Amino acid sequence: MAKEIRIAKRDFYIFNILFLLSCGRGNFRYSEIRGMLKLKDSQTDHGLKLLRKHFLIIACIIPTKKGRIFVEYRLSKRGKTLLKTLNSLKKYSLK
């Protein structure tokens, strides 16, 4: 049985993160997501944690030579399926 995802009215920026990751450009880093959507650090962090918790996005960890780690985010198969469903609902509602 599928788990229920509860999103409060104030947390609709989470959908903006999903739609940004679906734009087809590939992977996005934390600072790119925060900057493009003009979100606060707390909103970006909360949104990414929630989306990872429900397996809607995947965090790709990339180590560098200097010991730093970069994390890039992309949609998972489950996230792509959710967006297809939301787009279908949108088309249906506009009829």
N, C-alpha and C. Protein backbone atom coordinates (compact mmCIF):
# COMPACT_ATOMS: atom_id res chain seq x y z
N MET A 1 0.84 -1.18 0.00
CA MET A 1 0.00 0.00 0.00
C MET A 1 0.89 1.24 0.00
N ALA A 2 0.52 2.23 -0.78
CA ALA A 2 1.32 3.45 -0.90
C ALA A 2 1.22 4.29 0.37
N LYS A 3 2.32 4.94 0.70
CA LYS A 3 2.33 5.84 1.85
C LYS A 3 1.68 7.15 1.47
N GLU A 4 1.03 7.76 2.43
CA GLU A 4 0.39 9.05 2.21
C GLU A 4 1.41 10.15 2.42
N ILE A 5 1.42 11.12 1.52
CA ILE A 5 2.31 12.27 1.65
C ILE A 5 1.44 13.47 2.01
N ARG A 6 1.71 14.06 3.15
CA ARG A 6 0.95 15.23 3.58
C ARG A 6 1.78 16.48 3.36
N ILE A 7 1.18 17.42 2.64
CA ILE A 7 1.86 18.67 2.36
C ILE A 7 0.94 19.80 2.79
N ALA A 8 1.42 20.65 3.68
CA ALA A 8 0.64 21.78 4.16
C ALA A 8 0.53 22.84 3.07
N LYS A 9 -0.45 23.72 3.19
CA LYS A 9 -0.65 24.78 2.21
C LYS A 9 0.60 25.64 2.04
N ARG A 10 1.28 25.89 3.14
CA ARG A 10 2.45 26.76 3.09
C ARG A 10 3.65 26.09 2.42
N ASP A 11 3.57 24.78 2.18
CA ASP A 11 4.70 24.03 1.62
C ASP A 11 4.57 23.74 0.13
N PHE A 12 3.79 24.55 -0.59
CA PHE A 12 3.60 24.27 -2.00
C PHE A 12 4.84 24.55 -2.84
N TYR A 13 5.87 25.17 -2.26
CA TYR A 13 7.13 25.35 -2.98
C TYR A 13 7.77 24.00 -3.30
N ILE A 14 7.35 22.95 -2.61
CA ILE A 14 7.88 21.61 -2.88
C ILE A 14 7.54 21.20 -4.31
N PHE A 15 6.33 21.57 -4.77
CA PHE A 15 5.96 21.27 -6.15
C PHE A 15 6.82 22.07 -7.12
N ASN A 16 7.19 23.29 -6.75
CA ASN A 16 8.09 24.09 -7.60
C ASN A 16 9.44 23.40 -7.76
N ILE A 17 9.93 22.80 -6.68
CA ILE A 17 11.20 22.06 -6.77
C ILE A 17 11.05 20.88 -7.72
N LEU A 18 9.95 20.15 -7.61
CA LEU A 18 9.71 19.02 -8.50
C LEU A 18 9.65 19.46 -9.96
N PHE A 19 8.90 20.53 -10.23
CA PHE A 19 8.78 21.00 -11.61
C PHE A 19 10.12 21.52 -12.15
N LEU A 20 10.92 22.15 -11.30
CA LEU A 20 12.24 22.60 -11.73
C LEU A 20 13.11 21.42 -12.12
N LEU A 21 13.11 20.37 -11.31
CA LEU A 21 13.92 19.19 -11.60
C LEU A 21 13.43 18.45 -12.85
N SER A 22 12.19 18.68 -13.24
CA SER A 22 11.65 17.99 -14.41
C SER A 22 11.87 18.76 -15.71
N CYS A 23 12.51 19.90 -15.65
CA CYS A 23 12.62 20.75 -16.84
C CYS A 23 13.53 20.16 -17.92
N GLY A 24 14.23 19.08 -17.63
CA GLY A 24 15.02 18.41 -18.66
C GLY A 24 16.46 18.86 -18.75
N ARG A 25 16.89 19.75 -17.88
CA ARG A 25 18.27 20.24 -17.93
C ARG A 25 19.25 19.26 -17.30
N GLY A 26 18.74 18.34 -16.53
CA GLY A 26 19.62 17.39 -15.86
C GLY A 26 19.62 17.59 -14.36
N ASN A 27 20.79 17.45 -13.77
CA ASN A 27 20.91 17.55 -12.31
C ASN A 27 21.05 19.01 -11.87
N PHE A 28 20.57 19.29 -10.67
CA PHE A 28 20.68 20.62 -10.08
C PHE A 28 21.35 20.52 -8.72
N ARG A 29 22.17 21.49 -8.41
CA ARG A 29 22.77 21.57 -7.08
C ARG A 29 21.86 22.40 -6.18
N TYR A 30 22.09 22.26 -4.87
CA TYR A 30 21.28 22.94 -3.85
C TYR A 30 21.20 24.44 -4.11
N SER A 31 22.34 25.06 -4.35
CA SER A 31 22.38 26.52 -4.53
C SER A 31 21.64 26.94 -5.80
N GLU A 32 21.65 26.11 -6.84
CA GLU A 32 20.92 26.42 -8.06
C GLU A 32 19.41 26.38 -7.82
N ILE A 33 18.97 25.37 -7.08
CA ILE A 33 17.54 25.25 -6.77
C ILE A 33 17.09 26.44 -5.94
N ARG A 34 17.86 26.75 -4.90
CA ARG A 34 17.53 27.87 -4.01
C ARG A 34 17.50 29.19 -4.79
N GLY A 35 18.48 29.40 -5.65
CA GLY A 35 18.57 30.65 -6.40
C GLY A 35 17.50 30.81 -7.47
N MET A 36 17.24 29.75 -8.21
CA MET A 36 16.25 29.84 -9.29
C MET A 36 14.83 30.03 -8.77
N LEU A 37 14.53 29.42 -7.65
CA LEU A 37 13.18 29.50 -7.09
C LEU A 37 13.05 30.59 -6.03
N LYS A 38 14.17 31.25 -5.70
CA LYS A 38 14.20 32.32 -4.68
C LYS A 38 13.60 31.84 -3.36
N LEU A 39 14.08 30.68 -2.90
CA LEU A 39 13.62 30.10 -1.64
C LEU A 39 14.60 30.43 -0.52
N LYS A 40 14.10 30.37 0.70
CA LYS A 40 14.97 30.49 1.86
C LYS A 40 15.71 29.17 2.04
N ASP A 41 16.83 29.21 2.77
CA ASP A 41 17.59 27.98 3.03
C ASP A 41 16.72 26.93 3.72
N SER A 42 15.91 27.36 4.67
CA SER A 42 15.07 26.41 5.41
C SER A 42 14.03 25.76 4.50
N GLN A 43 13.47 26.52 3.56
CA GLN A 43 12.50 25.96 2.63
C GLN A 43 13.15 24.95 1.69
N THR A 44 14.31 25.33 1.17
CA THR A 44 15.01 24.43 0.25
C THR A 44 15.39 23.14 0.95
N ASP A 45 15.95 23.26 2.15
CA ASP A 45 16.36 22.09 2.91
C ASP A 45 15.17 21.20 3.24
N HIS A 46 14.09 21.79 3.74
CA HIS A 46 12.89 21.03 4.09
C HIS A 46 12.30 20.34 2.86
N GLY A 47 12.22 21.06 1.75
CA GLY A 47 11.66 20.49 0.53
C GLY A 47 12.47 19.31 0.01
N LEU A 48 13.78 19.46 -0.03
CA LEU A 48 14.63 18.38 -0.53
C LEU A 48 14.59 17.17 0.40
N LYS A 49 14.56 17.41 1.71
CA LYS A 49 14.47 16.28 2.66
C LYS A 49 13.17 15.52 2.48
N LEU A 50 12.06 16.24 2.34
CA LEU A 50 10.77 15.59 2.17
C LEU A 50 10.72 14.79 0.87
N LEU A 51 11.23 15.37 -0.19
CA LEU A 51 11.21 14.69 -1.49
C LEU A 51 12.12 13.46 -1.49
N ARG A 52 13.26 13.54 -0.81
CA ARG A 52 14.14 12.36 -0.70
C ARG A 52 13.50 11.29 0.17
N LYS A 53 12.85 11.70 1.25
CA LYS A 53 12.22 10.76 2.16
C LYS A 53 11.18 9.90 1.44
N HIS A 54 10.47 10.50 0.51
CA HIS A 54 9.42 9.78 -0.23
C HIS A 54 9.90 9.27 -1.58
N PHE A 55 11.21 9.27 -1.79
CA PHE A 55 11.85 8.71 -2.98
C PHE A 55 11.37 9.37 -4.28
N LEU A 56 11.08 10.67 -4.23
CA LEU A 56 10.67 11.39 -5.43
C LEU A 56 11.87 12.01 -6.13
N ILE A 57 12.96 12.20 -5.41
CA ILE A 57 14.21 12.68 -6.02
C ILE A 57 15.36 11.81 -5.54
N ILE A 58 16.45 11.89 -6.28
CA ILE A 58 17.66 11.14 -5.94
C ILE A 58 18.79 12.14 -5.75
N ALA A 59 19.53 11.98 -4.68
CA ALA A 59 20.70 12.81 -4.42
C ALA A 59 21.94 12.08 -4.94
N CYS A 60 22.62 12.68 -5.91
CA CYS A 60 23.84 12.09 -6.48
C CYS A 60 25.04 12.75 -5.80
N ILE A 61 25.84 11.98 -5.12
CA ILE A 61 27.00 12.50 -4.39
C ILE A 61 28.23 12.38 -5.28
N ILE A 62 28.93 13.52 -5.46
CA ILE A 62 30.09 13.57 -6.35
C ILE A 62 31.29 14.05 -5.55
N PRO A 63 32.26 13.16 -5.26
CA PRO A 63 33.47 13.60 -4.55
C PRO A 63 34.42 14.34 -5.50
N THR A 64 35.17 15.29 -4.96
CA THR A 64 36.16 16.01 -5.77
C THR A 64 37.56 15.71 -5.25
N LYS A 65 38.56 16.17 -5.96
CA LYS A 65 39.95 15.90 -5.59
C LYS A 65 40.36 16.57 -4.28
N LYS A 66 39.77 17.72 -3.99
CA LYS A 66 40.17 18.48 -2.80
C LYS A 66 39.44 18.03 -1.54
N GLY A 67 38.74 16.92 -1.60
CA GLY A 67 38.06 16.42 -0.42
C GLY A 67 36.65 16.95 -0.22
N ARG A 68 36.23 17.85 -1.11
CA ARG A 68 34.87 18.38 -1.02
C ARG A 68 33.90 17.41 -1.66
N ILE A 69 32.67 17.55 -1.32
CA ILE A 69 31.63 16.70 -1.89
C ILE A 69 30.55 17.60 -2.49
N PHE A 70 30.17 17.32 -3.72
CA PHE A 70 29.05 18.01 -4.35
C PHE A 70 27.86 17.07 -4.36
N VAL A 71 26.68 17.63 -4.13
CA VAL A 71 25.45 16.84 -4.19
C VAL A 71 24.56 17.46 -5.25
N GLU A 72 24.14 16.64 -6.20
CA GLU A 72 23.23 17.08 -7.24
C GLU A 72 21.94 16.27 -7.12
N TYR A 73 20.85 16.92 -7.42
CA TYR A 73 19.54 16.29 -7.27
C TYR A 73 18.90 16.09 -8.64
N ARG A 74 18.18 14.96 -8.78
CA ARG A 74 17.43 14.69 -10.00
C ARG A 74 16.19 13.91 -9.64
N LEU A 75 15.24 13.88 -10.56
CA LEU A 75 13.99 13.16 -10.32
C LEU A 75 14.22 11.66 -10.36
N SER A 76 13.51 10.94 -9.52
CA SER A 76 13.52 9.48 -9.57
C SER A 76 12.38 9.03 -10.49
N LYS A 77 12.29 7.73 -10.72
CA LYS A 77 11.19 7.21 -11.54
C LYS A 77 9.85 7.53 -10.89
N ARG A 78 9.81 7.41 -9.57
CA ARG A 78 8.57 7.71 -8.84
C ARG A 78 8.19 9.18 -8.99
N GLY A 79 9.18 10.06 -8.96
CA GLY A 79 8.92 11.49 -9.14
C GLY A 79 8.41 11.80 -10.54
N LYS A 80 9.00 11.15 -11.54
CA LYS A 80 8.53 11.35 -12.93
C LYS A 80 7.10 10.87 -13.09
N THR A 81 6.77 9.74 -12.46
CA THR A 81 5.41 9.21 -12.52
C THR A 81 4.43 10.16 -11.87
N LEU A 82 4.80 10.72 -10.72
CA LEU A 82 3.94 11.68 -10.04
C LEU A 82 3.68 12.90 -10.92
N LEU A 83 4.72 13.40 -11.58
CA LEU A 83 4.54 14.58 -12.42
C LEU A 83 3.67 14.27 -13.64
N LYS A 84 3.78 13.07 -14.20
CA LYS A 84 2.91 12.69 -15.30
C LYS A 84 1.45 12.69 -14.84
N THR A 85 1.22 12.17 -13.65
CA THR A 85 -0.13 12.13 -13.09
C THR A 85 -0.65 13.55 -12.86
N LEU A 86 0.18 14.42 -12.30
CA LEU A 86 -0.24 15.81 -12.06
C LEU A 86 -0.54 16.52 -13.37
N ASN A 87 0.27 16.28 -14.40
CA ASN A 87 0.02 16.89 -15.70
C ASN A 87 -1.28 16.38 -16.32
N SER A 88 -1.58 15.10 -16.14
CA SER A 88 -2.84 14.55 -16.64
C SER A 88 -4.02 15.20 -15.93
N LEU A 89 -3.91 15.37 -14.61
CA LEU A 89 -4.98 16.04 -13.86
C LEU A 89 -5.16 17.48 -14.31
N LYS A 90 -4.05 18.14 -14.60
CA LYS A 90 -4.10 19.53 -15.06
C LYS A 90 -4.83 19.60 -16.40
N LYS A 91 -4.47 18.71 -17.34
CA LYS A 91 -5.14 18.70 -18.65
C LYS A 91 -6.62 18.40 -18.51
N TYR A 92 -6.96 17.47 -17.64
CA TYR A 92 -8.37 17.11 -17.43
C TYR A 92 -9.15 18.28 -16.85
N SER A 93 -8.53 19.00 -15.92
CA SER A 93 -9.23 20.11 -15.26
C SER A 93 -9.42 21.29 -16.19
N LEU A 94 -8.59 21.39 -17.24
CA LEU A 94 -8.71 22.52 -18.18
C LEU A 94 -9.71 22.26 -19.30
N LYS A 95 -10.28 21.05 -19.35
CA LYS A 95 -11.25 20.73 -20.40
C LYS A 95 -12.54 21.48 -20.21
